[in-house]
Amino acid sequence: MAKLLNGTELVGYIQERQARQVRALRQASRIFPRLVIIKSTSVSPVIDTYIRMKQRYAQEILIETAVETLDEDDMPAAIARLNDDPLVHGIIVQLPLADRARTDEIVNLIAPEKDVDGLGAAAKYDSATATAINWLLSGYAIDLRDKVITIVGNGRLVGGPLARMWKQSNYNVTVLDETTPDITEAVYQSDVIVTATGVAGLITSNMIQIGATVVDAGTASENGVIVGDIDPAVRDRDDLKITPEKGGVGPLTIAALCDNVIQAALRVSEQSQ
């Protein structure tokens, strides 16, 4: 079997540190970190599952959460209200929206200091998922220097922000998207592959060289089951380092999101001193 890059094994250490930070904010500064999740009335049961996971993790470290379910036309007014609420430290819009063309418009309304998903153009925080992937690889001592890295997918949640982050670190990164004619050769030449397209089973075993590191950050729903971009047969190989079907990037993404909420609350605490 492949060596699994299991985010669940790493997240406990992060959670302990975060719980201490939140307790200190609550006890010493009387600041109660609070996250508001805005979701569309059209979200699928799969998205509701993600929201519950975020709420459960936040609750365990004493971050307060609330969910507002709104039509997209009502989101701008709600975001303006939450931007002005001093008791709210983080705001996220749970994607996708029913009208995906409005995504930029709506996420860019979130005040940069409260944009804890890091999706707005002026956000003060890095993308939670991009941060999670960095944490995962660092936690398993995977050095990205001098590696050939390919990111499959250039979306706003994963591929785009991760590519920017790694290019700023001067890593050798190639980004493939739906306009790339044939991804097979580029993927095969890679030491590290991160895929986040939402196309189930897109990356097959013949596309991955011996000894590669593979991070599957894609999510799709098949018959109500959440699946990734990696064909299941890939995990039968014993020469790879790869994320498991569940518990890879996801737990660390939630931890990174909560980390940004804590940082937002700490900013408020520092400003009040």
Protein backbone atom coordinates (compact mmCIF):
# COMPACT_ATOMS: atom_id res chain seq x y z
CA MET A 1 0.00 0.00 0.00
CA ALA A 2 1.01 3.59 -0.60
CA LYS A 3 2.24 5.78 2.26
CA LEU A 4 -0.78 7.83 3.27
CA LEU A 5 -0.53 11.57 3.89
CA ASN A 6 -3.18 11.65 6.57
CA GLY A 7 -4.29 15.10 7.66
CA THR A 8 -6.34 13.59 10.47
CA GLU A 9 -3.11 12.43 12.12
CA LEU A 10 -1.71 15.96 12.09
CA VAL A 11 -4.75 18.03 12.97
CA GLY A 12 -4.84 17.08 16.65
CA TYR A 13 -1.62 19.00 17.39
CA ILE A 14 -2.97 22.08 15.63
CA GLN A 15 -6.29 21.81 17.43
CA GLU A 16 -4.61 21.71 20.85
CA ARG A 17 -2.68 24.90 20.09
CA GLN A 18 -5.80 26.62 18.76
CA ALA A 19 -7.86 25.67 21.83
CA ARG A 20 -5.23 27.30 24.05
CA GLN A 21 -5.30 30.47 21.94
CA VAL A 22 -9.09 30.70 22.06
CA ARG A 23 -9.18 30.13 25.81
CA ALA A 24 -6.66 32.93 26.27
CA LEU A 25 -8.72 35.30 24.13
CA ARG A 26 -11.88 34.48 26.04
CA GLN A 27 -10.34 34.68 29.51
CA ALA A 28 -7.81 37.49 29.21
CA SER A 29 -9.40 39.73 26.58
CA ARG A 30 -13.08 38.79 26.84
CA ILE A 31 -13.07 38.24 23.07
CA PHE A 32 -15.12 35.31 21.83
CA PRO A 33 -14.00 34.32 18.30
CA ARG A 34 -17.03 34.05 16.03
CA LEU A 35 -17.42 32.73 12.48
CA VAL A 36 -20.51 33.25 10.32
CA ILE A 37 -21.07 30.92 7.36
CA ILE A 38 -23.32 32.20 4.59
CA LYS A 39 -24.82 29.53 2.39
CA SER A 40 -27.16 29.56 -0.57
CA THR A 41 -30.68 28.22 -0.25
CA SER A 42 -29.80 25.90 -3.14
CA VAL A 43 -26.90 24.01 -1.50
CA SER A 44 -26.72 20.24 -1.80
CA PRO A 45 -26.67 17.79 1.12
CA VAL A 46 -22.95 17.29 0.44
CA ILE A 47 -22.28 20.99 1.10
CA ASP A 48 -24.35 20.82 4.28
CA THR A 49 -22.06 18.00 5.41
CA TYR A 50 -19.01 20.25 4.98
CA ILE A 51 -20.68 23.02 6.94
CA ARG A 52 -21.47 20.70 9.84
CA MET A 53 -17.85 19.52 9.90
CA LYS A 54 -16.65 23.12 10.17
CA GLN A 55 -19.10 23.86 12.95
CA ARG A 56 -18.13 20.74 14.88
CA TYR A 57 -14.40 21.50 14.71
CA ALA A 58 -14.96 25.14 15.69
CA GLN A 59 -17.13 24.12 18.61
CA GLU A 60 -14.39 21.83 19.92
CA ILE A 61 -12.00 24.79 20.23
CA LEU A 62 -14.72 27.18 21.47
CA ILE A 63 -15.09 29.25 18.31
CA GLU A 64 -18.71 30.31 18.02
CA THR A 65 -20.40 29.72 14.66
CA ALA A 66 -23.64 30.70 12.99
CA VAL A 67 -25.08 29.77 9.59
CA GLU A 68 -27.22 32.12 7.53
CA THR A 69 -29.11 30.52 4.64
CA LEU A 70 -29.93 33.13 2.01
CA ASP A 71 -30.86 33.71 -1.60
CA GLU A 72 -27.92 35.23 -3.45
CA ASP A 73 -29.79 38.53 -3.89
CA ASP A 74 -29.91 38.86 -0.10
CA MET A 75 -26.24 38.08 0.51
CA PRO A 76 -24.79 41.59 -0.11
CA ALA A 77 -26.95 43.17 2.61
CA ALA A 78 -26.15 40.34 5.03
CA ILE A 79 -22.41 40.67 4.39
CA ALA A 80 -22.57 44.45 4.93
CA ARG A 81 -24.32 43.87 8.26
CA LEU A 82 -21.76 41.27 9.35
CA ASN A 83 -18.84 43.46 8.23
CA ASP A 84 -20.11 46.12 10.66
CA ASP A 85 -20.69 43.70 13.55
CA PRO A 86 -17.72 43.91 15.96
CA LEU A 87 -18.66 40.55 17.48
CA VAL A 88 -18.10 38.75 14.16
CA HIS A 89 -14.44 37.98 13.38
CA GLY A 90 -14.76 35.78 10.31
CA ILE A 91 -17.20 35.52 7.41
CA ILE A 92 -17.23 32.88 4.69
CA VAL A 93 -19.53 32.26 1.76
CA GLN A 94 -19.92 28.53 1.29
CA LEU A 95 -19.35 27.78 -2.39
CA PRO A 96 -20.61 26.97 -4.94
CA LEU A 97 -23.35 29.52 -5.40
CA ALA A 98 -26.38 28.73 -7.54
CA ASP A 99 -25.28 31.53 -9.86
CA ARG A 100 -21.54 30.92 -10.10
CA ALA A 101 -21.11 34.08 -12.17
CA ARG A 102 -21.77 36.09 -9.00
CA THR A 103 -18.99 34.46 -6.97
CA ASP A 104 -16.43 37.27 -7.41
CA GLU A 105 -19.03 39.94 -6.73
CA ILE A 106 -20.18 38.36 -3.49
CA VAL A 107 -16.92 37.15 -1.92
CA ASN A 108 -15.28 40.51 -2.62
CA LEU A 109 -17.91 42.19 -0.44
CA ILE A 110 -16.46 40.54 2.67
CA ALA A 111 -14.24 42.94 4.62
CA PRO A 112 -10.61 41.88 3.98
CA GLU A 113 -9.91 41.55 7.71
CA LYS A 114 -12.86 39.14 8.06
CA ASP A 115 -12.29 37.15 4.83
CA VAL A 116 -11.01 34.06 6.62
CA ASP A 117 -11.38 31.81 3.56
CA GLY A 118 -8.92 34.08 1.76
CA LEU A 119 -11.01 34.20 -1.41
CA GLY A 120 -11.52 37.93 -1.93
CA ALA A 121 -9.13 40.00 -4.00
CA ALA A 122 -8.02 42.01 -0.95
CA ALA A 123 -8.21 39.25 1.71
CA LYS A 124 -5.67 39.55 4.52
CA TYR A 125 -5.45 35.77 4.90
CA ASP A 126 -4.13 32.98 2.70
CA SER A 127 -6.56 30.47 1.23
CA ALA A 128 -7.47 27.93 3.89
CA THR A 129 -7.07 24.98 1.51
CA ALA A 130 -3.73 26.18 0.15
CA THR A 131 -2.48 26.60 3.72
CA ALA A 132 -3.75 23.11 4.57
CA ILE A 133 -1.79 21.54 1.71
CA ASN A 134 1.35 23.31 2.87
CA TRP A 135 0.79 22.04 6.41
CA LEU A 136 0.19 18.50 5.15
CA LEU A 137 3.37 18.29 3.09
CA SER A 138 5.44 19.97 5.79
CA GLY A 139 4.02 17.61 8.41
CA TYR A 140 5.27 14.65 6.41
CA ALA A 141 8.67 16.30 5.74
CA ILE A 142 8.14 16.60 1.99
CA ASP A 143 10.57 19.25 0.73
CA LEU A 144 9.29 21.07 -2.36
CA ARG A 145 12.59 22.65 -3.27
CA ASP A 146 14.04 21.29 -6.52
CA LYS A 147 10.86 19.29 -7.16
CA VAL A 148 8.84 19.34 -10.38
CA ILE A 149 5.35 20.30 -9.17
CA THR A 150 2.12 20.17 -11.13
CA ILE A 151 -1.20 21.58 -9.97
CA VAL A 152 -4.16 20.20 -11.90
CA GLY A 153 -6.97 22.73 -11.73
CA ASN A 154 -6.79 26.51 -11.44
CA GLY A 155 -9.87 27.20 -9.32
CA ARG A 156 -10.28 29.95 -6.75
CA LEU A 157 -10.43 27.58 -3.76
CA VAL A 158 -7.29 25.51 -4.34
CA GLY A 159 -5.34 25.66 -7.58
CA GLY A 160 -5.17 29.42 -8.08
CA PRO A 161 -4.14 30.45 -4.55
CA LEU A 162 -1.81 27.46 -4.11
CA ALA A 163 -0.01 28.27 -7.36
CA ARG A 164 0.47 31.89 -6.26
CA MET A 165 1.76 30.80 -2.87
CA TRP A 166 4.25 28.34 -4.28
CA LYS A 167 5.45 30.60 -7.08
CA GLN A 168 6.18 33.26 -4.47
CA SER A 169 8.39 30.64 -2.81
CA ASN A 170 10.16 30.14 -6.17
CA TYR A 171 9.08 26.52 -6.52
CA ASN A 172 8.98 24.91 -9.96
CA VAL A 173 5.19 24.92 -10.49
CA THR A 174 3.12 24.18 -13.59
CA VAL A 175 -0.64 24.74 -13.55
CA LEU A 176 -2.93 22.71 -15.82
CA ASP A 177 -6.57 23.56 -16.41
CA GLU A 178 -9.46 22.72 -18.72
CA THR A 179 -7.72 24.50 -21.61
CA THR A 180 -4.69 22.16 -21.43
CA PRO A 181 -5.01 19.78 -24.43
CA ASP A 182 -3.48 16.72 -22.77
CA ILE A 183 -2.44 16.64 -19.14
CA THR A 184 -0.95 13.13 -19.18
CA GLU A 185 2.66 13.94 -20.03
CA ALA A 186 2.93 16.95 -17.72
CA VAL A 187 1.50 15.00 -14.81
CA TYR A 188 3.82 12.06 -15.47
CA GLN A 189 6.91 14.29 -15.35
CA SER A 190 5.97 15.54 -11.88
CA ASP A 191 7.51 14.71 -8.52
CA VAL A 192 4.56 16.31 -6.70
CA ILE A 193 1.00 16.38 -8.04
CA VAL A 194 -1.84 18.37 -6.50
CA THR A 195 -5.19 17.86 -8.17
CA ALA A 196 -8.32 19.90 -7.48
CA THR A 197 -10.71 19.72 -10.42
CA GLY A 198 -13.80 18.00 -9.06
CA VAL A 199 -13.65 15.51 -11.93
CA ALA A 200 -13.96 12.07 -10.37
CA GLY A 201 -11.21 9.60 -11.36
CA LEU A 202 -9.42 12.09 -13.62
CA ILE A 203 -5.90 11.09 -12.54
CA THR A 204 -5.13 7.45 -13.30
CA SER A 205 -2.17 5.27 -12.33
CA ASN A 206 -0.47 5.40 -15.73
CA MET A 207 -0.18 9.19 -15.36
CA ILE A 208 1.92 9.03 -12.18
CA GLN A 209 5.63 8.27 -12.10
CA ILE A 210 7.23 5.93 -9.56
CA GLY A 211 7.82 7.57 -6.18
CA ALA A 212 5.63 10.61 -6.74
CA THR A 213 3.73 12.51 -4.05
CA VAL A 214 0.03 12.95 -4.80
CA VAL A 215 -2.39 15.30 -3.03
CA ASP A 216 -6.03 14.83 -4.00
CA ALA A 217 -7.89 18.02 -3.08
CA GLY A 218 -10.70 17.50 -5.58
CA THR A 219 -14.25 16.86 -4.44
CA ALA A 220 -17.18 15.57 -6.42
CA SER A 221 -20.40 13.80 -5.53
CA GLU A 222 -21.25 10.43 -7.03
CA ASN A 223 -24.56 8.97 -5.89
CA GLY A 224 -24.38 11.05 -2.73
CA VAL A 225 -20.82 9.93 -1.92
CA ILE A 226 -17.93 12.41 -1.88
CA VAL A 227 -15.08 11.29 -4.16
CA GLY A 228 -11.84 12.84 -5.36
CA ASP A 229 -9.93 13.33 -8.61
CA ILE A 230 -7.75 10.25 -8.14
CA ASP A 231 -8.84 6.92 -9.58
CA PRO A 232 -9.23 4.50 -6.63
CA ALA A 233 -6.77 2.01 -8.17
CA VAL A 234 -3.92 4.50 -7.69
CA ARG A 235 -3.98 3.88 -3.94
CA ASP A 236 -3.21 0.20 -4.52
CA ARG A 237 0.34 1.13 -5.49
CA ASP A 238 3.07 0.81 -2.87
CA ASP A 239 5.55 3.33 -4.29
CA LEU A 240 3.59 6.56 -3.74
CA LYS A 241 2.95 9.09 -1.00
CA ILE A 242 -0.72 9.98 -1.35
CA THR A 243 -3.65 11.41 0.54
CA PRO A 244 -6.29 8.88 1.67
CA GLU A 245 -9.81 8.86 0.24
CA LYS A 246 -10.96 10.64 3.41
CA GLY A 247 -9.02 12.61 5.98
CA GLY A 248 -6.32 14.04 3.74
CA VAL A 249 -6.55 17.76 3.06
CA GLY A 250 -10.08 18.29 4.44
CA PRO A 251 -9.39 18.22 8.19
CA LEU A 252 -6.45 20.58 7.80
CA THR A 253 -8.50 22.96 5.63
CA ILE A 254 -11.00 23.33 8.45
CA ALA A 255 -8.14 23.84 10.91
CA ALA A 256 -6.60 26.51 8.66
CA LEU A 257 -9.95 28.27 8.37
CA CYS A 258 -10.28 28.34 12.16
CA ASP A 259 -6.68 29.52 12.42
CA ASN A 260 -7.61 32.54 10.32
CA VAL A 261 -10.61 33.23 12.58
CA ILE A 262 -8.30 33.15 15.59
CA GLN A 263 -5.85 35.50 13.89
CA ALA A 264 -8.72 37.88 13.11
CA ALA A 265 -9.80 37.83 16.76
CA LEU A 266 -6.20 38.41 17.88
CA ARG A 267 -6.04 41.50 15.66
CA VAL A 268 -9.12 42.85 17.39
CA SER A 269 -7.56 42.12 20.78
CA GLU A 270 -4.34 43.94 19.85
CA GLN A 271 -6.26 46.94 18.53
CA SER A 272 -8.22 47.24 21.75
CA GLN A 273 -5.12 47.39 23.94
